[in-house]
C-alpha atoms as a PDB file:
ATOM      1  CA  MET A   1      -2.170  22.975  -6.611  1.00  0.00           C
ATOM      2  CA  ALA A   2      -3.369  23.428 -10.132  1.00  0.00           C
ATOM      3  CA  ALA A   3      -7.537  22.941  -9.988  1.00  0.00           C
ATOM      4  CA  PRO A   4      -8.062  19.458 -11.339  1.00  0.00           C
ATOM      5  CA  ILE A   5      -7.752  19.956 -15.618  1.00  0.00           C
ATOM      6  CA  GLY A   6     -11.431  21.226 -16.040  1.00  0.00           C
ATOM      7  CA  VAL A   7     -12.475  22.342 -12.237  1.00  0.00           C
ATOM      8  CA  PRO A   8     -12.439  26.781 -12.194  1.00  0.00           C
ATOM      9  CA  ALA A   9      -9.436  27.510  -9.463  1.00  0.00           C
ATOM     10  CA  SER A  10     -12.654  29.324  -7.634  1.00  0.00           C
ATOM     11  CA  ALA A  11     -13.882  25.841  -6.937  1.00  0.00           C
ATOM     12  CA  GLU A  12     -10.397  23.953  -6.189  1.00  0.00           C
ATOM     13  CA  ALA A  13     -10.112  23.513  -2.479  1.00  0.00           C
ATOM     14  CA  PRO A  14      -7.135  23.507  -0.725  1.00  0.00           C
ATOM     15  CA  PRO A  15      -4.877  20.294  -0.807  1.00  0.00           C
ATOM     16  CA  SER A  16      -4.653  17.812   1.838  1.00  0.00           C
ATOM     17  CA  PRO A  17      -0.963  16.220   2.458  1.00  0.00           C
ATOM     18  CA  ALA A  18      -2.415  13.145   1.606  1.00  0.00           C
ATOM     19  CA  ALA A  19      -3.824  15.210  -2.206  1.00  0.00           C
ATOM     20  CA  SER A  20      -0.575  16.360  -2.713  1.00  0.00           C
ATOM     21  CA  ALA A  21       0.987  13.341  -2.971  1.00  0.00           C
ATOM     22  CA  CYS A  22      -1.066  11.516  -5.036  1.00  0.00           C
ATOM     23  CA  PRO A  23      -0.209  10.030  -8.126  1.00  0.00           C
ATOM     24  CA  PHE A  24      -4.047  10.397  -9.166  1.00  0.00           C
ATOM     25  CA  CYS A  25      -4.240  14.042  -8.347  1.00  0.00           C
ATOM     26  CA  ALA A  26      -0.744  15.926 -10.124  1.00  0.00           C
ATOM     27  CA  VAL A  27      -2.265  13.458 -13.278  1.00  0.00           C
ATOM     28  CA  ALA A  28       0.382  14.441 -16.323  1.00  0.00           C
ATOM     29  CA  PRO A  29      -2.050  15.716 -19.050  1.00  0.00           C
ATOM     30  CA  GLU A  30      -0.826  13.322 -21.461  1.00  0.00           C
ATOM     31  CA  ARG A  31      -2.349  10.306 -18.994  1.00  0.00           C
ATOM     32  CA  ILE A  32      -5.855  12.075 -19.659  1.00  0.00           C
ATOM     33  CA  VAL A  33      -7.368   9.464 -22.521  1.00  0.00           C
ATOM     34  CA  ARG A  34     -10.741  11.263 -22.106  1.00  0.00           C
ATOM     35  CA  ALA A  35     -12.299  13.647 -19.810  1.00  0.00           C
ATOM     36  CA  ARG A  36     -15.630  14.175 -17.495  1.00  0.00           C
ATOM     37  CA  PRO A  37     -16.291  17.505 -15.297  1.00  0.00           C
ATOM     38  CA  HIS A  38     -15.912  15.374 -12.293  1.00  0.00           C
ATOM     39  CA  ALA A  39     -13.352  12.117 -13.713  1.00  0.00           C
ATOM     40  CA  LEU A  40     -10.655  11.540 -15.928  1.00  0.00           C
ATOM     41  CA  LEU A  41      -9.857   8.333 -17.790  1.00  0.00           C
ATOM     42  CA  LEU A  42      -6.256   7.490 -17.814  1.00  0.00           C
ATOM     43  CA  TRP A  43      -4.540   4.288 -19.476  1.00  0.00           C
ATOM     44  CA  ASP A  44      -3.209   2.365 -15.719  1.00  0.00           C
ATOM     45  CA  ALA A  45       0.452   2.595 -15.484  1.00  0.00           C
ATOM     46  CA  HIS A  46       1.323  -0.905 -14.648  1.00  0.00           C
ATOM     47  CA  PRO A  47      -1.353  -2.288 -17.123  1.00  0.00           C
ATOM     48  CA  LEU A  48      -1.948  -6.260 -17.003  1.00  0.00           C
ATOM     49  CA  HIS A  49      -3.419  -6.396 -20.603  1.00  0.00           C
ATOM     50  CA  PRO A  50      -3.445  -3.829 -23.279  1.00  0.00           C
ATOM     51  CA  GLY A  51      -5.666  -1.215 -22.910  1.00  0.00           C
ATOM     52  CA  HIS A  52      -5.891  -2.072 -18.894  1.00  0.00           C
ATOM     53  CA  ALA A  53      -7.814   0.935 -17.766  1.00  0.00           C
ATOM     54  CA  LEU A  54      -8.419   3.603 -14.953  1.00  0.00           C
ATOM     55  CA  ALA A  55     -11.361   5.888 -14.172  1.00  0.00           C
ATOM     56  CA  VAL A  56     -10.332   8.521 -11.838  1.00  0.00           C
ATOM     57  CA  PRO A  57     -12.021  11.155 -10.581  1.00  0.00           C
ATOM     58  CA  ARG A  58     -10.764  14.796 -10.033  1.00  0.00           C
ATOM     59  CA  ARG A  59     -11.700  15.565  -6.294  1.00  0.00           C
ATOM     60  CA  HIS A  60      -9.648  13.555  -3.906  1.00  0.00           C
ATOM     61  CA  ILE A  61     -11.609  10.934  -2.658  1.00  0.00           C
ATOM     62  CA  ALA A  62     -11.012   7.344  -1.047  1.00  0.00           C
ATOM     63  CA  SER A  63     -13.996   5.343  -1.235  1.00  0.00           C
ATOM     64  CA  TRP A  64     -16.596   5.150  -3.751  1.00  0.00           C
ATOM     65  CA  PHE A  65     -19.454   5.200  -1.533  1.00  0.00           C
ATOM     66  CA  ASP A  66     -17.753   9.219  -0.746  1.00  0.00           C
ATOM     67  CA  ALA A  67     -18.436   9.689  -4.591  1.00  0.00           C
ATOM     68  CA  THR A  68     -21.426  12.005  -5.542  1.00  0.00           C
ATOM     69  CA  GLU A  69     -23.733  10.429  -7.911  1.00  0.00           C
ATOM     70  CA  ALA A  70     -21.950  13.087 -10.115  1.00  0.00           C
ATOM     71  CA  GLU A  71     -18.889  11.824 -10.080  1.00  0.00           C
ATOM     72  CA  ARG A  72     -20.380   8.021 -10.222  1.00  0.00           C
ATOM     73  CA  ALA A  73     -21.572   8.708 -13.976  1.00  0.00           C
ATOM     74  CA  ASP A  74     -18.773  10.212 -15.258  1.00  0.00           C
ATOM     75  CA  LEU A  75     -16.861   7.365 -13.830  1.00  0.00           C
ATOM     76  CA  ILE A  76     -19.490   5.214 -15.031  1.00  0.00           C
ATOM     77  CA  ALA A  77     -19.974   6.704 -18.449  1.00  0.00           C
ATOM     78  CA  LEU A  78     -15.721   6.424 -18.763  1.00  0.00           C
ATOM     79  CA  ILE A  79     -15.695   2.827 -17.988  1.00  0.00           C
ATOM     80  CA  ASP A  80     -18.014   3.004 -21.097  1.00  0.00           C
ATOM     81  CA  GLU A  81     -16.064   5.136 -23.379  1.00  0.00           C
ATOM     82  CA  ALA A  82     -12.881   2.603 -22.200  1.00  0.00           C
ATOM     83  CA  ARG A  83     -14.426  -0.288 -23.322  1.00  0.00           C
ATOM     84  CA  ALA A  84     -14.991   0.829 -26.692  1.00  0.00           C
ATOM     85  CA  LEU A  85     -11.117   2.479 -27.236  1.00  0.00           C
ATOM     86  CA  VAL A  86      -9.931  -0.792 -26.203  1.00  0.00           C
ATOM     87  CA  LEU A  87     -12.472  -2.841 -28.678  1.00  0.00           C
ATOM     88  CA  ALA A  88     -11.307  -0.598 -31.662  1.00  0.00           C
ATOM     89  CA  GLN A  89      -7.217  -0.546 -30.252  1.00  0.00           C
ATOM     90  CA  HIS A  90      -6.802  -4.019 -28.597  1.00  0.00           C
ATOM     91  CA  GLY A  91      -8.998  -6.166 -28.899  1.00  0.00           C
ATOM     92  CA  ALA A  92     -11.091  -7.809 -26.313  1.00  0.00           C
ATOM     93  CA  ASP A  93     -13.586 -11.150 -25.863  1.00  0.00           C
ATOM     94  CA  GLY A  94     -14.191  -9.903 -21.686  1.00  0.00           C
ATOM     95  CA  PHE A  95     -12.986  -7.739 -19.500  1.00  0.00           C
ATOM     96  CA  ASN A  96     -13.041  -7.695 -15.178  1.00  0.00           C
ATOM     97  CA  LEU A  97     -14.678  -4.615 -13.868  1.00  0.00           C
ATOM     98  CA  GLY A  98     -13.114  -3.516  -9.980  1.00  0.00           C
ATOM     99  CA  ILE A  99     -12.333  -1.294  -7.220  1.00  0.00           C
ATOM    100  CA  ASN A 100     -10.320  -1.951  -4.092  1.00  0.00           C
ATOM    101  CA  ASP A 101     -12.214   0.272  -1.430  1.00  0.00           C
ATOM    102  CA  GLY A 102     -10.086   0.044   0.967  1.00  0.00           C
ATOM    103  CA  PRO A 103      -6.563  -1.116   2.965  1.00  0.00           C
ATOM    104  CA  ALA A 104      -8.537  -4.650   3.041  1.00  0.00           C
ATOM    105  CA  ALA A 105      -9.347  -5.185  -0.312  1.00  0.00           C
ATOM    106  CA  GLY A 106      -6.183  -4.281  -1.803  1.00  0.00           C
ATOM    107  CA  GLN A 107      -6.564  -0.322  -2.335  1.00  0.00           C
ATOM    108  CA  THR A 108      -2.702   0.732  -1.878  1.00  0.00           C
ATOM    109  CA  VAL A 109      -3.265   4.419  -4.336  1.00  0.00           C
ATOM    110  CA  PRO A 110      -6.120   6.049  -1.104  1.00  0.00           C
ATOM    111  CA  HIS A 111      -7.905   7.739  -4.344  1.00  0.00           C
ATOM    112  CA  LEU A 112     -10.957   6.130  -5.529  1.00  0.00           C
ATOM    113  CA  HIS A 113     -10.529   3.925  -9.063  1.00  0.00           C
ATOM    114  CA  MET A 114     -11.892   1.782 -11.256  1.00  0.00           C
ATOM    115  CA  HIS A 115     -10.344  -0.138 -13.591  1.00  0.00           C
ATOM    116  CA  LEU A 116     -10.995  -1.618 -16.429  1.00  0.00           C
ATOM    117  CA  ILE A 117      -8.815  -4.516 -17.498  1.00  0.00           C
ATOM    118  CA  PRO A 118      -9.759  -6.808 -21.178  1.00  0.00           C
ATOM    119  CA  ARG A 119      -9.073  -9.922 -21.426  1.00  0.00           C
ATOM    120  CA  HIS A 120      -8.556 -12.376 -23.912  1.00  0.00           C
ATOM    121  CA  HIS A 121      -9.676 -16.182 -24.608  1.00  0.00           C
ATOM    122  CA  GLY A 122      -6.365 -18.416 -23.111  1.00  0.00           C
ATOM    123  CA  ASP A 123      -4.437 -15.731 -20.695  1.00  0.00           C
ATOM    124  CA  VAL A 124      -5.042 -17.728 -18.403  1.00  0.00           C
ATOM    125  CA  PRO A 125      -5.456 -21.141 -18.264  1.00  0.00           C
ATOM    126  CA  ASP A 126      -9.160 -21.148 -16.600  1.00  0.00           C
ATOM    127  CA  PRO A 127     -10.567 -17.294 -15.861  1.00  0.00           C
ATOM    128  CA  ARG A 128     -13.748 -18.733 -13.990  1.00  0.00           C
ATOM    129  CA  GLY A 129     -14.094 -17.069 -10.767  1.00  0.00           C
ATOM    130  CA  GLY A 130     -12.607 -14.075 -12.301  1.00  0.00           C
ATOM    131  CA  LEU A 131     -12.585 -11.723  -9.387  1.00  0.00           C
ATOM    132  CA  ARG A 132     -13.057 -13.961  -6.628  1.00  0.00           C
ATOM    133  CA  TRP A 133      -8.894 -15.169  -6.987  1.00  0.00           C
ATOM    134  CA  VAL A 134      -8.673 -12.278  -4.615  1.00  0.00           C
ATOM    135  CA  LEU A 135      -9.713 -14.808  -1.786  1.00  0.00           C
ATOM    136  CA  PRO A 136      -7.745 -18.257  -3.625  1.00  0.00           C
ATOM    137  CA  GLU A 137      -8.912 -20.515  -1.169  1.00  0.00           C
ATOM    138  CA  ARG A 138     -12.387 -19.944  -1.877  1.00  0.00           C
ATOM    139  CA  ALA A 139     -12.496 -18.638  -5.125  1.00  0.00           C
ATOM    140  CA  VAL A 140     -13.689 -22.160  -6.929  1.00  0.00           C
ATOM    141  CA  TYR A 141     -17.007 -22.095  -4.865  1.00  0.00           C
ATOM    142  CA  TRP A 142     -18.954 -25.068  -7.998  1.00  0.00           C
ATOM    143  CA  ARG A 143     -17.222 -27.376  -6.397  1.00  0.00           C
ATOM    144  CA  GLY A 144     -18.951 -27.087  -3.423  1.00  0.00           C
ATOM    145  CA  PRO A 145     -17.536 -26.829   0.600  1.00  0.00           C
END
């Protein structure tokens, strides 16, 4: 496997079996929207809305908690860049930001990735609770127990 884009081959570690099969470790160059030294910005292959973007570290790690400070900084910077692109290209009234960290949290690709999901007034009947809907029975907290 070649070094990730922007990473010198001398810095490349041998790929793990998981990294060899990872869709974010072998990203086609045409999918890359923006790049930073430690992370890439991609449009989601299965978008929830037009402009659904992913910020992905170049290094194959599964968890936000395994990311270095430099990786985290590049991921956040790319999310900011994605927001500006989405507003210019698609418009949005709001955004959901999310990370599924671990299988119990719904992570299906074991390579850290941050979602930026543009939202529009009226795209769902009642958006209150946002990400809380991952546990539907607890999402409507404002009604009390």
